[in-house]
Amino acid sequence: MFLGEDLLAWLVLALGGALFVGNLMAVVKPPERKRSDADLDRAPVFRSLAMGLVGLVAALWALASLL
């Protein structure tokens, strides 16, 4: 198979990890300045934590598949 047998698991691990870390950082440390008037002061906490949880589940599932 092109690029290995476990390509899909590696991609899910990378995307799930990025989703988890990105949403967690949006809640913990929001940007210091707004780029435009349409930007929010803070990230929506519930939505960010829910999407972070989805990313964590995906990353853990992919890691379990690889091991």
PDB file of N, CA and C in Angstrom:
ATOM      1  N   MET A   1       0.839  -1.182   0.000  1.00  0.00           N
ATOM      2  CA  MET A   1       0.000   0.000   0.000  1.00  0.00           C
ATOM      3  C   MET A   1       0.884   1.245   0.000  1.00  0.00           C
ATOM      4  N   PHE A   2       0.421   2.274  -0.654  1.00  0.00           N
ATOM      5  CA  PHE A   2       1.164   3.530  -0.749  1.00  0.00           C
ATOM      6  C   PHE A   2       1.271   4.189   0.626  1.00  0.00           C
ATOM      7  N   LEU A   3       2.456   4.522   1.059  1.00  0.00           N
ATOM      8  CA  LEU A   3       2.763   5.191   2.325  1.00  0.00           C
ATOM      9  C   LEU A   3       2.467   4.349   3.562  1.00  0.00           C
ATOM     10  N   GLY A   4       2.400   3.047   3.426  1.00  0.00           N
ATOM     11  CA  GLY A   4       2.282   2.178   4.591  1.00  0.00           C
ATOM     12  C   GLY A   4       0.884   1.672   4.838  1.00  0.00           C
ATOM     13  N   GLU A   5       0.831   0.657   5.658  1.00  0.00           N
ATOM     14  CA  GLU A   5      -0.442   0.013   5.975  1.00  0.00           C
ATOM     15  C   GLU A   5      -1.291   0.839   6.949  1.00  0.00           C
ATOM     16  N   ASP A   6      -0.659   1.630   7.787  1.00  0.00           N
ATOM     17  CA  ASP A   6      -1.363   2.337   8.856  1.00  0.00           C
ATOM     18  C   ASP A   6      -1.512   3.827   8.582  1.00  0.00           C
ATOM     19  N   LEU A   7      -1.586   4.211   7.325  1.00  0.00           N
ATOM     20  CA  LEU A   7      -1.648   5.633   6.992  1.00  0.00           C
ATOM     21  C   LEU A   7      -2.878   6.302   7.585  1.00  0.00           C
ATOM     22  N   LEU A   8      -4.022   5.666   7.506  1.00  0.00           N
ATOM     23  CA  LEU A   8      -5.246   6.272   8.018  1.00  0.00           C
ATOM     24  C   LEU A   8      -5.177   6.475   9.534  1.00  0.00           C
ATOM     25  N   ALA A   9      -4.630   5.519  10.241  1.00  0.00           N
ATOM     26  CA  ALA A   9      -4.503   5.661  11.696  1.00  0.00           C
ATOM     27  C   ALA A   9      -3.558   6.802  12.053  1.00  0.00           C
ATOM     28  N   TRP A  10      -2.463   6.940  11.324  1.00  0.00           N
ATOM     29  CA  TRP A  10      -1.531   8.048  11.575  1.00  0.00           C
ATOM     30  C   TRP A  10      -2.187   9.394  11.290  1.00  0.00           C
ATOM     31  N   LEU A  11      -2.972   9.476  10.231  1.00  0.00           N
ATOM     32  CA  LEU A  11      -3.653  10.727   9.898  1.00  0.00           C
ATOM     33  C   LEU A  11      -4.700  11.085  10.950  1.00  0.00           C
ATOM     34  N   VAL A  12      -5.442  10.098  11.413  1.00  0.00           N
ATOM     35  CA  VAL A  12      -6.441  10.354  12.461  1.00  0.00           C
ATOM     36  C   VAL A  12      -5.751  10.771  13.756  1.00  0.00           C
ATOM     37  N   LEU A  13      -4.620  10.172  14.066  1.00  0.00           N
ATOM     38  CA  LEU A  13      -3.858  10.559  15.258  1.00  0.00           C
ATOM     39  C   LEU A  13      -3.398  12.012  15.153  1.00  0.00           C
ATOM     40  N   ALA A  14      -2.874  12.389  14.009  1.00  0.00           N
ATOM     41  CA  ALA A  14      -2.389  13.762  13.830  1.00  0.00           C
ATOM     42  C   ALA A  14      -3.533  14.770  13.877  1.00  0.00           C
ATOM     43  N   LEU A  15      -4.617  14.493  13.176  1.00  0.00           N
ATOM     44  CA  LEU A  15      -5.739  15.439  13.160  1.00  0.00           C
ATOM     45  C   LEU A  15      -6.452  15.500  14.505  1.00  0.00           C
ATOM     46  N   GLY A  16      -6.616  14.366  15.161  1.00  0.00           N
ATOM     47  CA  GLY A  16      -7.246  14.358  16.481  1.00  0.00           C
ATOM     48  C   GLY A  16      -6.409  15.099  17.510  1.00  0.00           C
ATOM     49  N   GLY A  17      -5.100  14.881  17.469  1.00  0.00           N
ATOM     50  CA  GLY A  17      -4.212  15.599  18.389  1.00  0.00           C
ATOM     51  C   GLY A  17      -4.226  17.098  18.147  1.00  0.00           C
ATOM     52  N   ALA A  18      -4.225  17.499  16.888  1.00  0.00           N
ATOM     53  CA  ALA A  18      -4.267  18.924  16.561  1.00  0.00           C
ATOM     54  C   ALA A  18      -5.597  19.544  16.983  1.00  0.00           C
ATOM     55  N   LEU A  19      -6.682  18.819  16.790  1.00  0.00           N
ATOM     56  CA  LEU A  19      -7.997  19.310  17.197  1.00  0.00           C
ATOM     57  C   LEU A  19      -8.060  19.484  18.704  1.00  0.00           C
ATOM     58  N   PHE A  20      -7.520  18.529  19.431  1.00  0.00           N
ATOM     59  CA  PHE A  20      -7.524  18.599  20.896  1.00  0.00           C
ATOM     60  C   PHE A  20      -6.677  19.775  21.395  1.00  0.00           C
ATOM     61  N   VAL A  21      -5.437  19.853  20.929  1.00  0.00           N
ATOM     62  CA  VAL A  21      -4.525  20.892  21.417  1.00  0.00           C
ATOM     63  C   VAL A  21      -4.989  22.281  20.989  1.00  0.00           C
ATOM     64  N   GLY A  22      -5.451  22.414  19.754  1.00  0.00           N
ATOM     65  CA  GLY A  22      -5.889  23.721  19.271  1.00  0.00           C
ATOM     66  C   GLY A  22      -7.078  24.267  20.048  1.00  0.00           C
ATOM     67  N   ASN A  23      -8.054  23.430  20.297  1.00  0.00           N
ATOM     68  CA  ASN A  23      -9.228  23.890  21.039  1.00  0.00           C
ATOM     69  C   ASN A  23      -8.911  24.133  22.508  1.00  0.00           C
ATOM     70  N   LEU A  24      -8.044  23.324  23.072  1.00  0.00           N
ATOM     71  CA  LEU A  24      -7.650  23.535  24.464  1.00  0.00           C
ATOM     72  C   LEU A  24      -6.897  24.860  24.613  1.00  0.00           C
ATOM     73  N   MET A  25      -6.003  25.150  23.679  1.00  0.00           N
ATOM     74  CA  MET A  25      -5.252  26.402  23.748  1.00  0.00           C
ATOM     75  C   MET A  25      -6.144  27.617  23.492  1.00  0.00           C
ATOM     76  N   ALA A  26      -7.191  27.452  22.696  1.00  0.00           N
ATOM     77  CA  ALA A  26      -8.114  28.563  22.462  1.00  0.00           C
ATOM     78  C   ALA A  26      -8.845  28.947  23.742  1.00  0.00           C
ATOM     79  N   VAL A  27      -9.096  27.964  24.613  1.00  0.00           N
ATOM     80  CA  VAL A  27      -9.774  28.249  25.877  1.00  0.00           C
ATOM     81  C   VAL A  27      -8.782  28.756  26.916  1.00  0.00           C
ATOM     82  N   VAL A  28      -7.622  28.125  26.991  1.00  0.00           N
ATOM     83  CA  VAL A  28      -6.644  28.466  28.028  1.00  0.00           C
ATOM     84  C   VAL A  28      -5.977  29.810  27.760  1.00  0.00           C
ATOM     85  N   LYS A  29      -5.543  30.039  26.523  1.00  0.00           N
ATOM     86  CA  LYS A  29      -4.810  31.260  26.200  1.00  0.00           C
ATOM     87  C   LYS A  29      -5.350  31.864  24.908  1.00  0.00           C
ATOM     88  N   PRO A  30      -6.387  32.679  25.006  1.00  0.00           N
ATOM     89  CA  PRO A  30      -6.940  33.289  23.797  1.00  0.00           C
ATOM     90  C   PRO A  30      -5.955  34.294  23.199  1.00  0.00           C
ATOM     91  N   PRO A  31      -6.147  34.677  21.945  1.00  0.00           N
ATOM     92  CA  PRO A  31      -5.248  35.658  21.327  1.00  0.00           C
ATOM     93  C   PRO A  31      -5.245  36.973  22.110  1.00  0.00           C
ATOM     94  N   GLU A  32      -4.099  37.637  22.115  1.00  0.00           N
ATOM     95  CA  GLU A  32      -3.970  38.866  22.892  1.00  0.00           C
ATOM     96  C   GLU A  32      -4.692  40.046  22.240  1.00  0.00           C
ATOM     97  N   ARG A  33      -4.755  40.045  20.903  1.00  0.00           N
ATOM     98  CA  ARG A  33      -5.425  41.159  20.235  1.00  0.00           C
ATOM     99  C   ARG A  33      -6.340  40.626  19.142  1.00  0.00           C
ATOM    100  N   LYS A  34      -7.359  41.398  18.849  1.00  0.00           N
ATOM    101  CA  LYS A  34      -8.308  41.017  17.817  1.00  0.00           C
ATOM    102  C   LYS A  34      -7.797  41.488  16.461  1.00  0.00           C
ATOM    103  N   ARG A  35      -7.983  40.679  15.441  1.00  0.00           N
ATOM    104  CA  ARG A  35      -7.569  41.063  14.096  1.00  0.00           C
ATOM    105  C   ARG A  35      -8.604  41.955  13.427  1.00  0.00           C
ATOM    106  N   SER A  36      -9.869  41.710  13.737  1.00  0.00           N
ATOM    107  CA  SER A  36     -10.930  42.533  13.160  1.00  0.00           C
ATOM    108  C   SER A  36     -12.073  42.639  14.166  1.00  0.00           C
ATOM    109  N   ASP A  37     -13.054  43.445  13.825  1.00  0.00           N
ATOM    110  CA  ASP A  37     -14.195  43.618  14.725  1.00  0.00           C
ATOM    111  C   ASP A  37     -15.071  42.381  14.784  1.00  0.00           C
ATOM    112  N   ALA A  38     -14.975  41.494  13.793  1.00  0.00           N
ATOM    113  CA  ALA A  38     -15.793  40.287  13.770  1.00  0.00           C
ATOM    114  C   ALA A  38     -15.253  39.199  14.702  1.00  0.00           C
ATOM    115  N   ASP A  39     -14.007  39.305  15.146  1.00  0.00           N
ATOM    116  CA  ASP A  39     -13.424  38.303  16.040  1.00  0.00           C
ATOM    117  C   ASP A  39     -14.033  38.410  17.436  1.00  0.00           C
ATOM    118  N   LEU A  40     -14.142  37.265  18.074  1.00  0.00           N
ATOM    119  CA  LEU A  40     -14.654  37.215  19.440  1.00  0.00           C
ATOM    120  C   LEU A  40     -13.541  37.520  20.440  1.00  0.00           C
ATOM    121  N   ASP A  41     -13.914  37.989  21.626  1.00  0.00           N
ATOM    122  CA  ASP A  41     -12.925  38.229  22.689  1.00  0.00           C
ATOM    123  C   ASP A  41     -12.373  36.913  23.216  1.00  0.00           C
ATOM    124  N   ARG A  42     -13.265  35.932  23.365  1.00  0.00           N
ATOM    125  CA  ARG A  42     -12.884  34.603  23.857  1.00  0.00           C
ATOM    126  C   ARG A  42     -13.526  33.555  22.973  1.00  0.00           C
ATOM    127  N   ALA A  43     -12.948  32.379  22.983  1.00  0.00           N
ATOM    128  CA  ALA A  43     -13.550  31.254  22.271  1.00  0.00           C
ATOM    129  C   ALA A  43     -14.763  30.765  23.049  1.00  0.00           C
ATOM    130  N   PRO A  44     -15.794  30.271  22.361  1.00  0.00           N
ATOM    131  CA  PRO A  44     -16.931  29.686  23.073  1.00  0.00           C
ATOM    132  C   PRO A  44     -16.469  28.454  23.864  1.00  0.00           C
ATOM    133  N   VAL A  45     -16.589  28.512  25.166  1.00  0.00           N
ATOM    134  CA  VAL A  45     -15.972  27.512  26.039  1.00  0.00           C
ATOM    135  C   VAL A  45     -16.587  26.126  25.833  1.00  0.00           C
ATOM    136  N   PHE A  46     -17.905  26.015  25.856  1.00  0.00           N
ATOM    137  CA  PHE A  46     -18.520  24.699  25.741  1.00  0.00           C
ATOM    138  C   PHE A  46     -18.208  24.059  24.390  1.00  0.00           C
ATOM    139  N   ARG A  47     -18.332  24.819  23.324  1.00  0.00           N
ATOM    140  CA  ARG A  47     -18.064  24.278  21.995  1.00  0.00           C
ATOM    141  C   ARG A  47     -16.592  23.881  21.848  1.00  0.00           C
ATOM    142  N   SER A  48     -15.689  24.689  22.370  1.00  0.00           N
ATOM    143  CA  SER A  48     -14.266  24.373  22.276  1.00  0.00           C
ATOM    144  C   SER A  48     -13.918  23.120  23.073  1.00  0.00           C
ATOM    145  N   LEU A  49     -14.491  22.989  24.257  1.00  0.00           N
ATOM    146  CA  LEU A  49     -14.219  21.798  25.061  1.00  0.00           C
ATOM    147  C   LEU A  49     -14.840  20.552  24.441  1.00  0.00           C
ATOM    148  N   ALA A  50     -16.015  20.696  23.841  1.00  0.00           N
ATOM    149  CA  ALA A  50     -16.650  19.551  23.181  1.00  0.00           C
ATOM    150  C   ALA A  50     -15.821  19.104  21.970  1.00  0.00           C
ATOM    151  N   MET A  51     -15.356  20.050  21.176  1.00  0.00           N
ATOM    152  CA  MET A  51     -14.540  19.686  20.013  1.00  0.00           C
ATOM    153  C   MET A  51     -13.176  19.140  20.453  1.00  0.00           C
ATOM    154  N   GLY A  52     -12.635  19.662  21.540  1.00  0.00           N
ATOM    155  CA  GLY A  52     -11.399  19.115  22.082  1.00  0.00           C
ATOM    156  C   GLY A  52     -11.574  17.682  22.549  1.00  0.00           C
ATOM    157  N   LEU A  53     -12.725  17.388  23.137  1.00  0.00           N
ATOM    158  CA  LEU A  53     -13.015  16.024  23.569  1.00  0.00           C
ATOM    159  C   LEU A  53     -13.134  15.084  22.366  1.00  0.00           C
ATOM    160  N   VAL A  54     -13.746  15.552  21.291  1.00  0.00           N
ATOM    161  CA  VAL A  54     -13.832  14.751  20.063  1.00  0.00           C
ATOM    162  C   VAL A  54     -12.427  14.461  19.529  1.00  0.00           C
ATOM    163  N   GLY A  55     -11.569  15.467  19.530  1.00  0.00           N
ATOM    164  CA  GLY A  55     -10.191  15.276  19.077  1.00  0.00           C
ATOM    165  C   GLY A  55      -9.422  14.311  19.958  1.00  0.00           C
ATOM    166  N   LEU A  56      -9.629  14.393  21.268  1.00  0.00           N
ATOM    167  CA  LEU A  56      -8.952  13.491  22.193  1.00  0.00           C
ATOM    168  C   LEU A  56      -9.403  12.052  21.977  1.00  0.00           C
ATOM    169  N   VAL A  57     -10.685  11.838  21.794  1.00  0.00           N
ATOM    170  CA  VAL A  57     -11.201  10.487  21.545  1.00  0.00           C
ATOM    171  C   VAL A  57     -10.630   9.936  20.251  1.00  0.00           C
ATOM    172  N   ALA A  58     -10.588  10.762  19.209  1.00  0.00           N
ATOM    173  CA  ALA A  58     -10.047  10.315  17.926  1.00  0.00           C
ATOM    174  C   ALA A  58      -8.567   9.965  18.047  1.00  0.00           C
ATOM    175  N   ALA A  59      -7.805  10.794  18.752  1.00  0.00           N
ATOM    176  CA  ALA A  59      -6.380  10.540  18.911  1.00  0.00           C
ATOM    177  C   ALA A  59      -6.123   9.280  19.728  1.00  0.00           C
ATOM    178  N   LEU A  60      -6.892   9.094  20.796  1.00  0.00           N
ATOM    179  CA  LEU A  60      -6.708   7.889  21.613  1.00  0.00           C
ATOM    180  C   LEU A  60      -7.110   6.634  20.850  1.00  0.00           C
ATOM    181  N   TRP A  61      -8.168   6.718  20.069  1.00  0.00           N
ATOM    182  CA  TRP A  61      -8.615   5.583  19.268  1.00  0.00           C
ATOM    183  C   TRP A  61      -7.551   5.212  18.226  1.00  0.00           C
ATOM    184  N   ALA A  62      -6.985   6.226  17.580  1.00  0.00           N
ATOM    185  CA  ALA A  62      -5.940   5.986  16.595  1.00  0.00           C
ATOM    186  C   ALA A  62      -4.692   5.387  17.258  1.00  0.00           C
ATOM    187  N   LEU A  63      -4.339   5.884  18.429  1.00  0.00           N
ATOM    188  CA  LEU A  63      -3.187   5.366  19.134  1.00  0.00           C
ATOM    189  C   LEU A  63      -3.408   3.912  19.535  1.00  0.00           C
ATOM    190  N   ALA A  64      -4.612   3.602  19.987  1.00  0.00           N
ATOM    191  CA  ALA A  64      -4.932   2.217  20.335  1.00  0.00           C
ATOM    192  C   ALA A  64      -4.889   1.311  19.087  1.00  0.00           C
ATOM    193  N   SER A  65      -5.303   1.831  17.964  1.00  0.00           N
ATOM    194  CA  SER A  65      -5.255   1.056  16.711  1.00  0.00           C
ATOM    195  C   SER A  65      -3.823   0.780  16.285  1.00  0.00           C
ATOM    196  N   LEU A  66      -2.954   1.757  16.508  1.00  0.00           N
ATOM    197  CA  LEU A  66      -1.558   1.571  16.110  1.00  0.00           C
ATOM    198  C   LEU A  66      -0.822   0.608  17.049  1.00  0.00           C
ATOM    199  N   LEU A  67      -1.202   0.603  18.305  1.00  0.00           N
ATOM    200  CA  LEU A  67      -0.523  -0.283  19.264  1.00  0.00           C
ATOM    201  C   LEU A  67      -1.154  -1.654  19.235  1.00  0.00           C
TER     202      LEU A  67
END
